[in-house]
C-alpha atoms as a PDB file:
ATOM      1  CA  MET A   1     121.589  68.150 100.471  1.00  0.00           C
ATOM      2  CA  GLU A   2     118.820  67.366 102.693  1.00  0.00           C
ATOM      3  CA  GLU A   3     115.300  67.967 101.028  1.00  0.00           C
ATOM      4  CA  LYS A   4     113.312  67.779 104.427  1.00  0.00           C
ATOM      5  CA  LEU A   5     111.333  70.479 105.549  1.00  0.00           C
ATOM      6  CA  LEU A   6     112.124  71.763 109.079  1.00  0.00           C
ATOM      7  CA  LYS A   7     110.598  74.215 111.228  1.00  0.00           C
ATOM      8  CA  GLY A   8     112.536  76.307 113.903  1.00  0.00           C
ATOM      9  CA  LYS A   9     112.308  79.816 115.920  1.00  0.00           C
ATOM     10  CA  ILE A  10     114.793  82.989 114.620  1.00  0.00           C
ATOM     11  CA  SER A  11     116.724  83.638 117.555  1.00  0.00           C
ATOM     12  CA  PHE A  12     119.149  86.357 116.158  1.00  0.00           C
ATOM     13  CA  VAL A  13     118.799  88.640 113.648  1.00  0.00           C
ATOM     14  CA  ASN A  14     121.866  90.793 112.133  1.00  0.00           C
ATOM     15  CA  TYR A  15     120.070  93.944 110.004  1.00  0.00           C
ATOM     16  CA  ASP A  16     123.421  95.124 108.867  1.00  0.00           C
ATOM     17  CA  LYS A  17     124.792  92.140 107.544  1.00  0.00           C
ATOM     18  CA  PHE A  18     121.578  90.587 106.101  1.00  0.00           C
ATOM     19  CA  PHE A  19     121.603  87.138 107.858  1.00  0.00           C
ATOM     20  CA  ALA A  20     119.880  85.141 110.765  1.00  0.00           C
ATOM     21  CA  THR A  21     120.123  82.187 112.864  1.00  0.00           C
ATOM     22  CA  ILE A  22     117.523  79.718 113.600  1.00  0.00           C
ATOM     23  CA  ASP A  23     117.328  77.630 116.335  1.00  0.00           C
ATOM     24  CA  TYR A  24     115.456  74.131 116.050  1.00  0.00           C
ATOM     25  CA  LEU A  25     115.261  70.647 117.495  1.00  0.00           C
ATOM     26  CA  PRO A  26     115.861  67.528 115.466  1.00  0.00           C
ATOM     27  CA  SER A  27     116.356  64.568 117.437  1.00  0.00           C
ATOM     28  CA  ASN A  28     115.904  66.526 121.250  1.00  0.00           C
ATOM     29  CA  LYS A  29     118.749  68.420 120.703  1.00  0.00           C
ATOM     30  CA  VAL A  30     119.117  72.219 119.800  1.00  0.00           C
ATOM     31  CA  LYS A  31     121.014  73.240 116.490  1.00  0.00           C
ATOM     32  CA  SER A  32     121.503  76.278 114.885  1.00  0.00           C
ATOM     33  CA  VAL A  33     121.899  77.297 111.375  1.00  0.00           C
ATOM     34  CA  ASN A  34     122.386  80.879 109.411  1.00  0.00           C
ATOM     35  CA  PHE A  35     120.593  81.956 106.431  1.00  0.00           C
ATOM     36  CA  LYS A  36     120.601  85.282 104.556  1.00  0.00           C
ATOM     37  CA  THR A  37     117.789  87.428 105.343  1.00  0.00           C
ATOM     38  CA  ASN A  38     117.960  89.247 102.010  1.00  0.00           C
ATOM     39  CA  ALA A  39     117.848  86.200  99.838  1.00  0.00           C
ATOM     40  CA  ALA A  40     114.408  86.109  97.368  1.00  0.00           C
ATOM     41  CA  ASP A  41     112.000  83.565  98.750  1.00  0.00           C
ATOM     42  CA  SER A  42     110.063  81.406  95.952  1.00  0.00           C
ATOM     43  CA  SER A  43     110.558  84.931  93.541  1.00  0.00           C
ATOM     44  CA  LYS A  44     108.494  87.026  96.195  1.00  0.00           C
ATOM     45  CA  LYS A  45     109.893  89.615  98.184  1.00  0.00           C
ATOM     46  CA  ALA A  46     111.816  89.035 100.907  1.00  0.00           C
ATOM     47  CA  HIS A  47     110.223  88.822 104.438  1.00  0.00           C
ATOM     48  CA  HIS A  48     111.503  91.319 107.168  1.00  0.00           C
ATOM     49  CA  TYR A  49     112.432  88.688 109.950  1.00  0.00           C
ATOM     50  CA  ARG A  50     112.091  89.380 113.380  1.00  0.00           C
ATOM     51  CA  LEU A  51     113.345  87.419 116.589  1.00  0.00           C
ATOM     52  CA  GLY A  52     111.189  84.777 117.630  1.00  0.00           C
ATOM     53  CA  ASP A  53     109.823  84.482 114.317  1.00  0.00           C
ATOM     54  CA  VAL A  54     108.583  80.703 113.796  1.00  0.00           C
ATOM     55  CA  VAL A  55     109.812  79.692 110.260  1.00  0.00           C
ATOM     56  CA  SER A  56     109.815  76.364 108.059  1.00  0.00           C
ATOM     57  CA  PHE A  57     112.902  75.414 105.991  1.00  0.00           C
ATOM     58  CA  GLN A  58     115.415  73.096 104.210  1.00  0.00           C
ATOM     59  CA  LEU A  59     118.722  72.744 104.683  1.00  0.00           C
ATOM     60  CA  LYS A  60     121.781  72.539 102.236  1.00  0.00           C
ATOM     61  CA  LEU A  61     125.477  72.865 102.294  1.00  0.00           C
ATOM     62  CA  SER A  62     126.854  76.511 102.061  1.00  0.00           C
ATOM     63  CA  ASP A  63     128.651  77.838  99.091  1.00  0.00           C
ATOM     64  CA  ARG A  64     132.055  77.093 100.509  1.00  0.00           C
ATOM     65  CA  GLY A  65     130.646  73.513 101.290  1.00  0.00           C
ATOM     66  CA  ASP A  66     132.159  73.158 105.035  1.00  0.00           C
ATOM     67  CA  LYS A  67     128.402  73.877 106.772  1.00  0.00           C
ATOM     68  CA  MET A  68     124.614  73.988 106.389  1.00  0.00           C
ATOM     69  CA  THR A  69     122.872  76.664 105.700  1.00  0.00           C
ATOM     70  CA  ALA A  70     119.080  77.407 105.486  1.00  0.00           C
ATOM     71  CA  TYR A  71     117.283  78.228 102.505  1.00  0.00           C
ATOM     72  CA  ASN A  72     113.577  78.413 101.315  1.00  0.00           C
ATOM     73  CA  VAL A  73     112.696  79.942 104.677  1.00  0.00           C
ATOM     74  CA  LYS A  74     109.033  80.980 105.431  1.00  0.00           C
ATOM     75  CA  PHE A  75     107.638  83.136 107.930  1.00  0.00           C
ATOM     76  CA  ILE A  76     105.062  81.021 109.757  1.00  0.00           C
ATOM     77  CA  HIS A  77     103.956  83.246 112.799  1.00  0.00           C
ATOM     78  CA  ASN A  78     105.091  84.889 115.841  1.00  0.00           C
ATOM     79  CA  THR A  79     103.645  85.044 119.269  1.00  0.00           C
ATOM     80  CA  ALA A  80     105.128  88.383 120.546  1.00  0.00           C
ATOM     81  CA  ILE A  81     103.930  89.917 117.475  1.00  0.00           C
ATOM     82  CA  ASP A  82     100.355  88.033 118.191  1.00  0.00           C
ATOM     83  CA  LEU A  83     100.570  89.989 122.019  1.00  0.00           C
ATOM     84  CA  LEU A  84     101.401  93.130 120.426  1.00  0.00           C
ATOM     85  CA  ILE A  85      98.002  93.369 118.204  1.00  0.00           C
ATOM     86  CA  GLN A  86      96.355  92.306 121.131  1.00  0.00           C
ATOM     87  CA  LYS A  87      97.747  95.129 122.886  1.00  0.00           C
ATOM     88  CA  ALA A  88      97.220  97.734 120.079  1.00  0.00           C
ATOM     89  CA  ALA A  89      93.797  96.678 119.673  1.00  0.00           C
ATOM     90  CA  ILE A  90      92.962  98.256 123.499  1.00  0.00           C
ATOM     91  CA  GLU A  91      95.868 101.415 123.313  1.00  0.00           C
ATOM     92  CA  ASN A  92      97.902 101.683 119.854  1.00  0.00           C
ATOM     93  CA  ARG A  93     100.594 103.381 121.804  1.00  0.00           C
ATOM     94  CA  PHE A  94     104.095 101.788 122.609  1.00  0.00           C
ATOM     95  CA  SER A  95     107.541 102.911 124.067  1.00  0.00           C
ATOM     96  CA  GLY A  96     110.729 101.666 122.185  1.00  0.00           C
ATOM     97  CA  TYR A  97     114.191 103.022 120.814  1.00  0.00           C
ATOM     98  CA  LEU A  98     115.417 104.340 117.385  1.00  0.00           C
ATOM     99  CA  LYS A  99     117.723 102.151 115.158  1.00  0.00           C
ATOM    100  CA  LYS A 100     119.362 102.987 112.151  1.00  0.00           C
ATOM    101  CA  VAL A 101     120.287 100.065 109.430  1.00  0.00           C
ATOM    102  CA  GLU A 102     122.293 101.154 106.728  1.00  0.00           C
ATOM    103  CA  ASP A 103     119.835 104.290 105.160  1.00  0.00           C
ATOM    104  CA  ASP A 104     116.604 102.953 106.848  1.00  0.00           C
ATOM    105  CA  PHE A 105     115.396 103.766 110.505  1.00  0.00           C
ATOM    106  CA  PHE A 106     113.705 100.796 112.711  1.00  0.00           C
ATOM    107  CA  VAL A 107     111.907 101.043 115.694  1.00  0.00           C
ATOM    108  CA  LYS A 108     113.232  98.872 118.369  1.00  0.00           C
ATOM    109  CA  GLU A 109     110.116  97.572 120.869  1.00  0.00           C
ATOM    110  CA  TRP A 110     110.955  98.344 124.303  1.00  0.00           C
ATOM    111  CA  ASP A 111     109.864  94.908 126.108  1.00  0.00           C
ATOM    112  CA  SER A 112     109.885  92.281 123.327  1.00  0.00           C
ATOM    113  CA  TYR A 113     112.903  93.889 121.486  1.00  0.00           C
ATOM    114  CA  ILE A 114     111.681  93.171 118.221  1.00  0.00           C
ATOM    115  CA  PHE A 115     112.425  95.719 115.409  1.00  0.00           C
ATOM    116  CA  PHE A 116     109.864  97.316 113.065  1.00  0.00           C
ATOM    117  CA  PRO A 117     110.652  99.344 110.065  1.00  0.00           C
ATOM    118  CA  LEU A 118     109.664 102.972 110.483  1.00  0.00           C
ATOM    119  CA  GLN A 119     107.507 104.605 108.285  1.00  0.00           C
ATOM    120  CA  VAL A 120     108.600 108.278 107.396  1.00  0.00           C
ATOM    121  CA  SER A 121     106.351 110.674 105.197  1.00  0.00           C
ATOM    122  CA  PRO A 122     107.451 111.891 102.089  1.00  0.00           C
ATOM    123  CA  TRP A 123     106.759 115.476 103.830  1.00  0.00           C
ATOM    124  CA  GLU A 124     108.231 114.868 107.077  1.00  0.00           C
ATOM    125  CA  ILE A 125     111.974 115.454 108.165  1.00  0.00           C
ATOM    126  CA  PRO A 126     113.113 112.315 109.222  1.00  0.00           C
ATOM    127  CA  PRO A 127     114.910 111.484 112.384  1.00  0.00           C
ATOM    128  CA  VAL A 128     118.622 112.972 112.565  1.00  0.00           C
ATOM    129  CA  SER A 129     121.289 110.230 113.302  1.00  0.00           C
ATOM    130  CA  THR A 130     121.788 111.809 116.570  1.00  0.00           C
ATOM    131  CA  ALA A 131     118.135 110.415 117.706  1.00  0.00           C
ATOM    132  CA  GLU A 132     119.587 106.644 117.170  1.00  0.00           C
ATOM    133  CA  ASN A 133     119.028 104.961 120.640  1.00  0.00           C
ATOM    134  CA  GLU A 134     116.892 107.647 122.025  1.00  0.00           C
ATOM    135  CA  ALA A 135     113.104 106.350 123.500  1.00  0.00           C
ATOM    136  CA  ILE A 136     110.121 107.562 121.606  1.00  0.00           C
ATOM    137  CA  THR A 137     106.772 106.739 121.501  1.00  0.00           C
ATOM    138  CA  PHE A 138     104.810 105.241 118.513  1.00  0.00           C
ATOM    139  CA  ARG A 139     102.187 103.375 116.963  1.00  0.00           C
ATOM    140  CA  PHE A 140     101.914 100.398 114.929  1.00  0.00           C
ATOM    141  CA  LEU A 141     100.460 100.643 111.357  1.00  0.00           C
ATOM    142  CA  ASN A 142      99.193  97.552 109.278  1.00  0.00           C
ATOM    143  CA  LEU A 143      97.926  95.243 111.885  1.00  0.00           C
ATOM    144  CA  ASP A 144      95.675  93.578 109.680  1.00  0.00           C
ATOM    145  CA  LYS A 145      99.204  92.092 107.980  1.00  0.00           C
ATOM    146  CA  PRO A 146     101.045  90.801 110.532  1.00  0.00           C
ATOM    147  CA  ASN A 147     104.095  90.444 107.765  1.00  0.00           C
ATOM    148  CA  ALA A 148     103.897  93.933 107.019  1.00  0.00           C
ATOM    149  CA  ILE A 149     103.676  95.908 110.163  1.00  0.00           C
ATOM    150  CA  THR A 150     105.335  99.136 110.396  1.00  0.00           C
ATOM    151  CA  ALA A 151     105.692 101.690 113.176  1.00  0.00           C
ATOM    152  CA  GLU A 152     104.790 105.603 113.245  1.00  0.00           C
ATOM    153  CA  LEU A 153     105.976 108.311 115.385  1.00  0.00           C
ATOM    154  CA  PHE A 154     103.463 110.039 117.650  1.00  0.00           C
ATOM    155  CA  SER A 155     105.710 113.015 116.846  1.00  0.00           C
ATOM    156  CA  HIS A 156     106.150 114.253 113.467  1.00  0.00           C
ATOM    157  CA  ASN A 157     108.216 117.070 111.888  1.00  0.00           C
ATOM    158  CA  TYR A 158     106.597 117.749 108.734  1.00  0.00           C
ATOM    159  CA  ILE A 159     107.889 120.522 106.115  1.00  0.00           C
ATOM    160  CA  PRO A 160     106.190 123.909 106.251  1.00  0.00           C
ATOM    161  CA  GLU A 161     104.729 123.035 102.204  1.00  0.00           C
ATOM    162  CA  TYR A 162     103.027 120.053 103.743  1.00  0.00           C
ATOM    163  CA  ARG A 163     101.265 122.238 106.705  1.00  0.00           C
ATOM    164  CA  MET A 164     100.043 124.571 103.748  1.00  0.00           C
ATOM    165  CA  ALA A 165      98.771 121.738 101.831  1.00  0.00           C
ATOM    166  CA  LEU A 166      96.794 120.243 104.546  1.00  0.00           C
ATOM    167  CA  GLN A 167      95.382 123.954 104.912  1.00  0.00           C
ATOM    168  CA  HIS A 168      94.505 124.332 101.190  1.00  0.00           C
ATOM    169  CA  TYR A 169      92.615 120.676 101.372  1.00  0.00           C
ATOM    170  CA  ASN A 170      90.661 121.719 104.792  1.00  0.00           C
ATOM    171  CA  ASN A 171      89.414 124.959 103.325  1.00  0.00           C
ATOM    172  CA  GLN A 172      89.014 123.325  99.673  1.00  0.00           C
ATOM    173  CA  MET A 173      91.460 126.400  98.381  1.00  0.00           C
ATOM    174  CA  GLU A 174      92.697 126.088  95.122  1.00  0.00           C
ATOM    175  CA  ALA A 175      96.576 125.455  94.780  1.00  0.00           C
ATOM    176  CA  ALA A 176      98.931 126.211  92.020  1.00  0.00           C
ATOM    177  CA  ALA A 177     100.647 123.528  89.979  1.00  0.00           C
ATOM    178  CA  VAL A 178     103.186 122.934  87.748  1.00  0.00           C
ATOM    179  CA  VAL A 179     103.394 119.937  84.817  1.00  0.00           C
ATOM    180  CA  THR A 180     107.006 117.954  85.322  1.00  0.00           C
ATOM    181  CA  LYS A 181     106.376 115.217  83.358  1.00  0.00           C
ATOM    182  CA  VAL A 182     103.533 113.872  81.026  1.00  0.00           C
ATOM    183  CA  SER A 183     103.097 110.412  80.081  1.00  0.00           C
ATOM    184  CA  PRO A 184     100.644 108.242  78.388  1.00  0.00           C
ATOM    185  CA  TYR A 185      98.736 107.376  81.529  1.00  0.00           C
ATOM    186  CA  ALA A 186      99.176 110.730  83.689  1.00  0.00           C
ATOM    187  CA  VAL A 187     100.388 114.277  84.082  1.00  0.00           C
ATOM    188  CA  TYR A 188     102.910 114.803  86.884  1.00  0.00           C
ATOM    189  CA  LEU A 189     102.750 117.889  89.156  1.00  0.00           C
ATOM    190  CA  GLY A 190     104.691 119.714  91.767  1.00  0.00           C
ATOM    191  CA  LEU A 191     103.178 121.695  94.188  1.00  0.00           C
ATOM    192  CA  PHE A 192     104.450 124.600  96.832  1.00  0.00           C
ATOM    193  CA  ASP A 193     107.485 124.758  95.300  1.00  0.00           C
ATOM    194  CA  ASN A 194     107.852 121.654  93.767  1.00  0.00           C
ATOM    195  CA  THR A 195     108.148 119.770  97.236  1.00  0.00           C
ATOM    196  CA  ILE A 196     105.197 118.470  96.894  1.00  0.00           C
ATOM    197  CA  GLN A 197     104.260 115.672  93.835  1.00  0.00           C
ATOM    198  CA  ALA A 198     100.965 114.618  92.745  1.00  0.00           C
ATOM    199  CA  LYS A 199      99.842 112.952  89.654  1.00  0.00           C
ATOM    200  CA  ILE A 200      96.277 113.348  87.421  1.00  0.00           C
ATOM    201  CA  PRO A 201      95.591 109.987  85.546  1.00  0.00           C
ATOM    202  CA  ILE A 202      94.875 109.764  82.173  1.00  0.00           C
ATOM    203  CA  ASN A 203      93.042 106.872  80.350  1.00  0.00           C
ATOM    204  CA  LYS A 204      94.399 104.938  77.647  1.00  0.00           C
ATOM    205  CA  SER A 205      91.675 106.703  75.261  1.00  0.00           C
ATOM    206  CA  GLU A 206      91.771 110.327  76.164  1.00  0.00           C
ATOM    207  CA  SER A 207      94.774 112.895  75.335  1.00  0.00           C
ATOM    208  CA  THR A 208      95.596 116.304  77.232  1.00  0.00           C
ATOM    209  CA  GLU A 209      96.727 119.717  76.324  1.00  0.00           C
ATOM    210  CA  LEU A 210      99.106 119.965  79.071  1.00  0.00           C
ATOM    211  CA  LYS A 211     102.803 119.761  78.583  1.00  0.00           C
ATOM    212  CA  GLU A 212     105.770 120.186  80.629  1.00  0.00           C
ATOM    213  CA  GLY A 213     106.235 123.360  82.086  1.00  0.00           C
ATOM    214  CA  ASP A 214     102.610 124.290  82.310  1.00  0.00           C
ATOM    215  CA  SER A 215     100.966 126.161  85.296  1.00  0.00           C
ATOM    216  CA  LEU A 216      97.348 125.537  86.442  1.00  0.00           C
ATOM    217  CA  GLN A 217      95.182 125.290  89.500  1.00  0.00           C
ATOM    218  CA  VAL A 218      94.241 122.427  91.081  1.00  0.00           C
ATOM    219  CA  LYS A 219      92.196 121.315  94.303  1.00  0.00           C
ATOM    220  CA  ILE A 220      93.129 118.641  96.783  1.00  0.00           C
ATOM    221  CA  LYS A 221      90.382 115.889  97.157  1.00  0.00           C
ATOM    222  CA  HIS A 222      92.281 113.855  99.500  1.00  0.00           C
ATOM    223  CA  LEU A 223      95.537 114.243 101.635  1.00  0.00           C
ATOM    224  CA  THR A 224      97.222 111.919 104.468  1.00  0.00           C
ATOM    225  CA  ASN A 225     100.750 112.173 105.125  1.00  0.00           C
ATOM    226  CA  THR A 226     101.627 109.589 102.648  1.00  0.00           C
ATOM    227  CA  ARG A 227      99.137 110.169  99.875  1.00  0.00           C
ATOM    228  CA  ILE A 228      97.663 113.266  98.022  1.00  0.00           C
ATOM    229  CA  VAL A 229      94.960 113.231  95.207  1.00  0.00           C
ATOM    230  CA  VAL A 230      94.561 116.524  93.132  1.00  0.00           C
ATOM    231  CA  GLU A 231      91.950 117.017  90.467  1.00  0.00           C
ATOM    232  CA  PRO A 232      92.122 120.571  87.908  1.00  0.00           C
ATOM    233  CA  VAL A 233      89.794 123.104  88.051  1.00  0.00           C
ATOM    234  CA  LYS A 234      89.868 123.270  84.586  1.00  0.00           C
ATOM    235  CA  ASN A 235      89.276 120.114  82.289  1.00  0.00           C
ATOM    236  CA  TYR A 236      92.318 119.810  80.224  1.00  0.00           C
ATOM    237  CA  LEU A 237      91.269 116.564  78.541  1.00  0.00           C
END
């Protein structure tokens, strides 16, 4: 095993088979080594590796003992992503293609060929499989966290119940909710025929008279396409 810390750039990623290739330059000669992209790195969540990622790594023999493999791979930076972030600061509107890897959708940015996870709202009908490789327009999210950048489509296909929730929120109308679960920390609710889920937090020192199956009226205090916050019209504590 080689303990030396090396630096290289990712030249290939196979998202279906969870491996990538690092090109590096030891002794003025380009070499390549593969590694598993879904391997936990120092007990942290595996990084979403992309083309052009500059990484540090170490080498060891593969499990079969017939070749070297990279391990302890750590992301450093990606110049192409830095440029996309700069462009997004001026106009956050990009073109690309939809790609599907197993059950997850990605966006392949047109110029850089870099894959970004597609963020789909829980209240949005996801793209159909036939949409793969179709040209789309999207924006970047989490631009302040280059390691966690995701993409969001400009066009959304929300379920009717989300549009109803949005109407209730904008007009501060009461909405009917049904208790689906009660825990020591929260009361879980289903709204609009249980298509939208919400919860009411409970402090450890408090208790509630609500139980599973109870109906109550709530108001939506905060609503985005990924998060909803409600409060009961009546105090049930």
